[in-house]
């Protein structure tokens, strides 16, 4: 599994991260996490799986700044990882 995208941001005491990994079988796993920034502990984590890079666009992600940045990033212009 290799990381192909990462973004983090803060809102008050909370940290939000959005990560995308390409799995060994070619599928993609996206992770949306909300952290307690004071103790650096995950409070909430949601995983999304997709068979294709394009399929990542059509997930029911949380409405966070990190997801918006991801959906508008250059991740989509890159070739196969």
N, C-alpha and C. Protein backbone atom coordinates (compact mmCIF):
# COMPACT_ATOMS: atom_id res chain seq x y z
N UNK A 1 0.86 -1.16 0.00
CA UNK A 1 0.00 0.00 0.00
C UNK A 1 0.91 1.23 0.00
N UNK A 2 0.64 2.15 -0.92
CA UNK A 2 1.43 3.38 -0.94
C UNK A 2 0.51 4.60 -0.92
N UNK A 3 0.96 5.61 -0.21
CA UNK A 3 0.18 6.84 -0.11
C UNK A 3 0.35 7.65 -1.39
N UNK A 4 -0.79 8.04 -1.99
CA UNK A 4 -0.75 8.82 -3.23
C UNK A 4 -1.33 10.21 -3.06
N UNK A 5 -1.91 10.50 -1.89
CA UNK A 5 -2.44 11.84 -1.63
C UNK A 5 -2.56 12.04 -0.12
N UNK A 6 -2.25 13.26 0.34
CA UNK A 6 -2.41 13.60 1.76
C UNK A 6 -2.68 15.09 1.89
N UNK A 7 -3.61 15.44 2.78
CA UNK A 7 -3.87 16.83 3.10
C UNK A 7 -4.37 16.90 4.53
N UNK A 8 -3.94 17.93 5.26
CA UNK A 8 -4.45 18.13 6.61
C UNK A 8 -4.75 19.60 6.84
N UNK A 9 -5.65 19.84 7.77
CA UNK A 9 -6.01 21.21 8.12
C UNK A 9 -6.54 21.24 9.54
N UNK A 10 -6.60 22.45 10.08
CA UNK A 10 -7.04 22.65 11.45
C UNK A 10 -8.27 23.54 11.49
N UNK A 11 -9.14 23.26 12.44
CA UNK A 11 -10.27 24.12 12.76
C UNK A 11 -10.40 24.11 14.27
N UNK A 12 -9.97 25.19 14.91
CA UNK A 12 -9.94 25.21 16.36
C UNK A 12 -9.01 24.14 16.88
N UNK A 13 -9.45 23.36 17.88
CA UNK A 13 -8.58 22.32 18.44
C UNK A 13 -8.59 21.03 17.62
N UNK A 14 -9.36 20.96 16.56
CA UNK A 14 -9.48 19.73 15.78
C UNK A 14 -8.61 19.77 14.52
N UNK A 15 -8.01 18.63 14.23
CA UNK A 15 -7.25 18.46 12.99
C UNK A 15 -8.06 17.53 12.09
N UNK A 16 -8.07 17.83 10.80
CA UNK A 16 -8.77 17.00 9.82
C UNK A 16 -7.75 16.54 8.79
N UNK A 17 -7.76 15.24 8.48
CA UNK A 17 -6.86 14.73 7.45
C UNK A 17 -7.66 13.96 6.41
N UNK A 18 -7.13 13.98 5.19
CA UNK A 18 -7.71 13.19 4.11
C UNK A 18 -6.54 12.54 3.38
N UNK A 19 -6.57 11.21 3.29
CA UNK A 19 -5.47 10.45 2.70
C UNK A 19 -6.02 9.48 1.67
N UNK A 20 -5.24 9.25 0.63
CA UNK A 20 -5.60 8.24 -0.37
C UNK A 20 -4.40 7.32 -0.54
N UNK A 21 -4.67 6.03 -0.49
CA UNK A 21 -3.65 5.01 -0.67
C UNK A 21 -4.01 4.15 -1.87
N UNK A 22 -2.99 3.73 -2.61
CA UNK A 22 -3.21 2.74 -3.65
C UNK A 22 -2.78 1.39 -3.08
N UNK A 23 -3.69 0.44 -3.10
CA UNK A 23 -3.43 -0.88 -2.53
C UNK A 23 -2.65 -1.74 -3.51
N UNK A 24 -2.13 -2.85 -3.02
CA UNK A 24 -1.33 -3.75 -3.85
C UNK A 24 -2.11 -4.29 -5.05
N UNK A 25 -3.41 -4.43 -4.90
CA UNK A 25 -4.24 -4.97 -5.98
C UNK A 25 -4.72 -3.89 -6.96
N UNK A 26 -4.24 -2.64 -6.78
CA UNK A 26 -4.59 -1.56 -7.69
C UNK A 26 -5.79 -0.74 -7.27
N UNK A 27 -6.53 -1.20 -6.28
CA UNK A 27 -7.68 -0.44 -5.77
C UNK A 27 -7.19 0.75 -4.95
N UNK A 28 -8.11 1.63 -4.61
CA UNK A 28 -7.79 2.82 -3.82
C UNK A 28 -8.57 2.82 -2.53
N UNK A 29 -7.92 3.28 -1.46
CA UNK A 29 -8.57 3.45 -0.16
C UNK A 29 -8.39 4.90 0.26
N UNK A 30 -9.49 5.58 0.52
CA UNK A 30 -9.45 6.96 1.02
C UNK A 30 -9.86 6.95 2.49
N UNK A 31 -9.17 7.74 3.28
CA UNK A 31 -9.45 7.84 4.71
C UNK A 31 -9.71 9.29 5.08
N UNK A 32 -10.85 9.56 5.67
CA UNK A 32 -11.17 10.89 6.20
C UNK A 32 -11.16 10.76 7.72
N UNK A 33 -10.30 11.57 8.36
CA UNK A 33 -10.16 11.48 9.81
C UNK A 33 -10.34 12.83 10.48
N UNK A 34 -10.96 12.78 11.65
CA UNK A 34 -11.05 13.95 12.52
C UNK A 34 -10.24 13.61 13.77
N UNK A 35 -9.32 14.49 14.14
CA UNK A 35 -8.41 14.26 15.25
C UNK A 35 -8.68 15.23 16.38
N UNK A 36 -8.43 14.80 17.61
CA UNK A 36 -8.31 15.72 18.73
C UNK A 36 -6.88 16.23 18.65
N UNK A 37 -6.71 17.46 18.23
CA UNK A 37 -5.38 18.00 17.99
C UNK A 37 -4.53 18.16 19.23
N UNK A 38 -5.16 18.30 20.39
CA UNK A 38 -4.39 18.49 21.62
C UNK A 38 -3.65 17.23 22.03
N UNK A 39 -4.27 16.08 21.84
CA UNK A 39 -3.62 14.82 22.23
C UNK A 39 -3.27 13.96 21.01
N UNK A 40 -3.48 14.49 19.82
CA UNK A 40 -3.14 13.81 18.57
C UNK A 40 -3.74 12.40 18.50
N UNK A 41 -5.05 12.32 18.73
CA UNK A 41 -5.76 11.04 18.72
C UNK A 41 -6.94 11.13 17.76
N UNK A 42 -7.14 10.08 16.97
CA UNK A 42 -8.25 10.04 16.02
C UNK A 42 -9.57 9.92 16.79
N UNK A 43 -10.49 10.84 16.50
CA UNK A 43 -11.82 10.80 17.10
C UNK A 43 -12.82 10.11 16.18
N UNK A 44 -12.62 10.28 14.88
CA UNK A 44 -13.56 9.71 13.91
C UNK A 44 -12.78 9.37 12.64
N UNK A 45 -13.06 8.19 12.08
CA UNK A 45 -12.41 7.77 10.85
C UNK A 45 -13.43 7.09 9.95
N UNK A 46 -13.41 7.47 8.69
CA UNK A 46 -14.28 6.84 7.70
C UNK A 46 -13.42 6.41 6.53
N UNK A 47 -13.64 5.17 6.05
CA UNK A 47 -12.88 4.63 4.92
C UNK A 47 -13.78 4.50 3.71
N UNK A 48 -13.18 4.72 2.55
CA UNK A 48 -13.88 4.60 1.28
C UNK A 48 -13.00 3.79 0.35
N UNK A 49 -13.58 2.80 -0.32
CA UNK A 49 -12.85 1.98 -1.28
C UNK A 49 -13.35 2.23 -2.68
N UNK A 50 -12.42 2.19 -3.63
CA UNK A 50 -12.79 2.37 -5.03
C UNK A 50 -11.89 1.49 -5.89
N UNK A 51 -12.48 0.91 -6.93
CA UNK A 51 -11.70 0.09 -7.85
C UNK A 51 -10.83 0.94 -8.76
N UNK A 52 -11.24 2.18 -9.01
CA UNK A 52 -10.52 3.04 -9.94
C UNK A 52 -10.29 4.42 -9.33
N UNK A 53 -9.34 5.12 -9.91
CA UNK A 53 -9.06 6.50 -9.52
C UNK A 53 -10.31 7.36 -9.77
N UNK A 54 -10.95 7.18 -10.90
CA UNK A 54 -12.15 7.94 -11.24
C UNK A 54 -13.27 7.67 -10.24
N UNK A 55 -13.35 6.44 -9.75
CA UNK A 55 -14.39 6.09 -8.79
C UNK A 55 -14.28 6.85 -7.48
N UNK A 56 -13.09 7.35 -7.17
CA UNK A 56 -12.91 8.14 -5.95
C UNK A 56 -13.73 9.43 -5.98
N UNK A 57 -14.02 9.93 -7.17
CA UNK A 57 -14.79 11.18 -7.29
C UNK A 57 -16.24 11.01 -6.85
N UNK A 58 -16.73 9.79 -6.85
CA UNK A 58 -18.16 9.55 -6.65
C UNK A 58 -18.48 8.92 -5.30
N UNK A 59 -17.68 9.22 -4.30
CA UNK A 59 -17.92 8.71 -2.95
C UNK A 59 -18.71 9.73 -2.13
N UNK A 60 -19.33 9.27 -1.08
CA UNK A 60 -20.12 10.14 -0.20
C UNK A 60 -19.22 10.65 0.94
N UNK A 61 -18.28 11.51 0.59
CA UNK A 61 -17.31 12.03 1.55
C UNK A 61 -17.96 13.05 2.49
N UNK A 62 -17.34 13.25 3.67
CA UNK A 62 -17.81 14.34 4.53
C UNK A 62 -17.52 15.68 3.87
N UNK A 63 -18.26 16.68 4.25
CA UNK A 63 -18.09 18.02 3.65
C UNK A 63 -17.04 18.81 4.43
N UNK A 64 -15.78 18.44 4.22
CA UNK A 64 -14.68 19.14 4.88
C UNK A 64 -13.83 19.86 3.85
N UNK A 65 -13.07 20.80 4.34
CA UNK A 65 -12.17 21.56 3.47
C UNK A 65 -11.17 20.63 2.78
N UNK A 66 -10.69 19.60 3.51
CA UNK A 66 -9.70 18.69 2.94
C UNK A 66 -10.27 17.91 1.76
N UNK A 67 -11.53 17.52 1.84
CA UNK A 67 -12.17 16.81 0.72
C UNK A 67 -12.33 17.74 -0.47
N UNK A 68 -12.74 18.97 -0.23
CA UNK A 68 -12.89 19.93 -1.33
C UNK A 68 -11.55 20.17 -2.03
N UNK A 69 -10.50 20.30 -1.24
CA UNK A 69 -9.16 20.48 -1.82
C UNK A 69 -8.79 19.26 -2.65
N UNK A 70 -9.06 18.07 -2.13
CA UNK A 70 -8.75 16.84 -2.87
C UNK A 70 -9.49 16.78 -4.20
N UNK A 71 -10.78 17.07 -4.18
CA UNK A 71 -11.58 16.97 -5.40
C UNK A 71 -11.16 18.00 -6.45
N UNK A 72 -10.49 19.07 -6.03
CA UNK A 72 -10.02 20.09 -6.96
C UNK A 72 -8.51 20.07 -7.15
N UNK A 73 -7.85 19.02 -6.70
CA UNK A 73 -6.38 18.95 -6.74
C UNK A 73 -5.87 18.41 -8.07
N UNK A 74 -4.55 18.42 -8.20
CA UNK A 74 -3.91 17.87 -9.40
C UNK A 74 -3.81 16.34 -9.35
N UNK A 75 -4.36 15.73 -8.31
CA UNK A 75 -4.38 14.26 -8.20
C UNK A 75 -5.00 13.63 -9.44
N UNK A 76 -5.99 14.28 -10.00
CA UNK A 76 -6.73 13.74 -11.14
C UNK A 76 -5.95 13.86 -12.44
N UNK A 77 -4.96 14.72 -12.49
CA UNK A 77 -4.16 14.92 -13.70
C UNK A 77 -2.99 13.97 -13.78
N UNK A 78 -2.64 13.36 -12.67
CA UNK A 78 -1.51 12.44 -12.64
C UNK A 78 -1.87 11.16 -13.37
N UNK A 79 -0.84 10.49 -13.87
CA UNK A 79 -1.06 9.20 -14.52
C UNK A 79 -1.21 8.11 -13.49
N UNK A 80 -1.17 6.88 -13.92
CA UNK A 80 -1.26 5.76 -13.00
C UNK A 80 -0.08 5.76 -12.06
N UNK A 81 -0.33 5.45 -10.80
CA UNK A 81 0.73 5.44 -9.79
C UNK A 81 1.47 4.13 -9.80
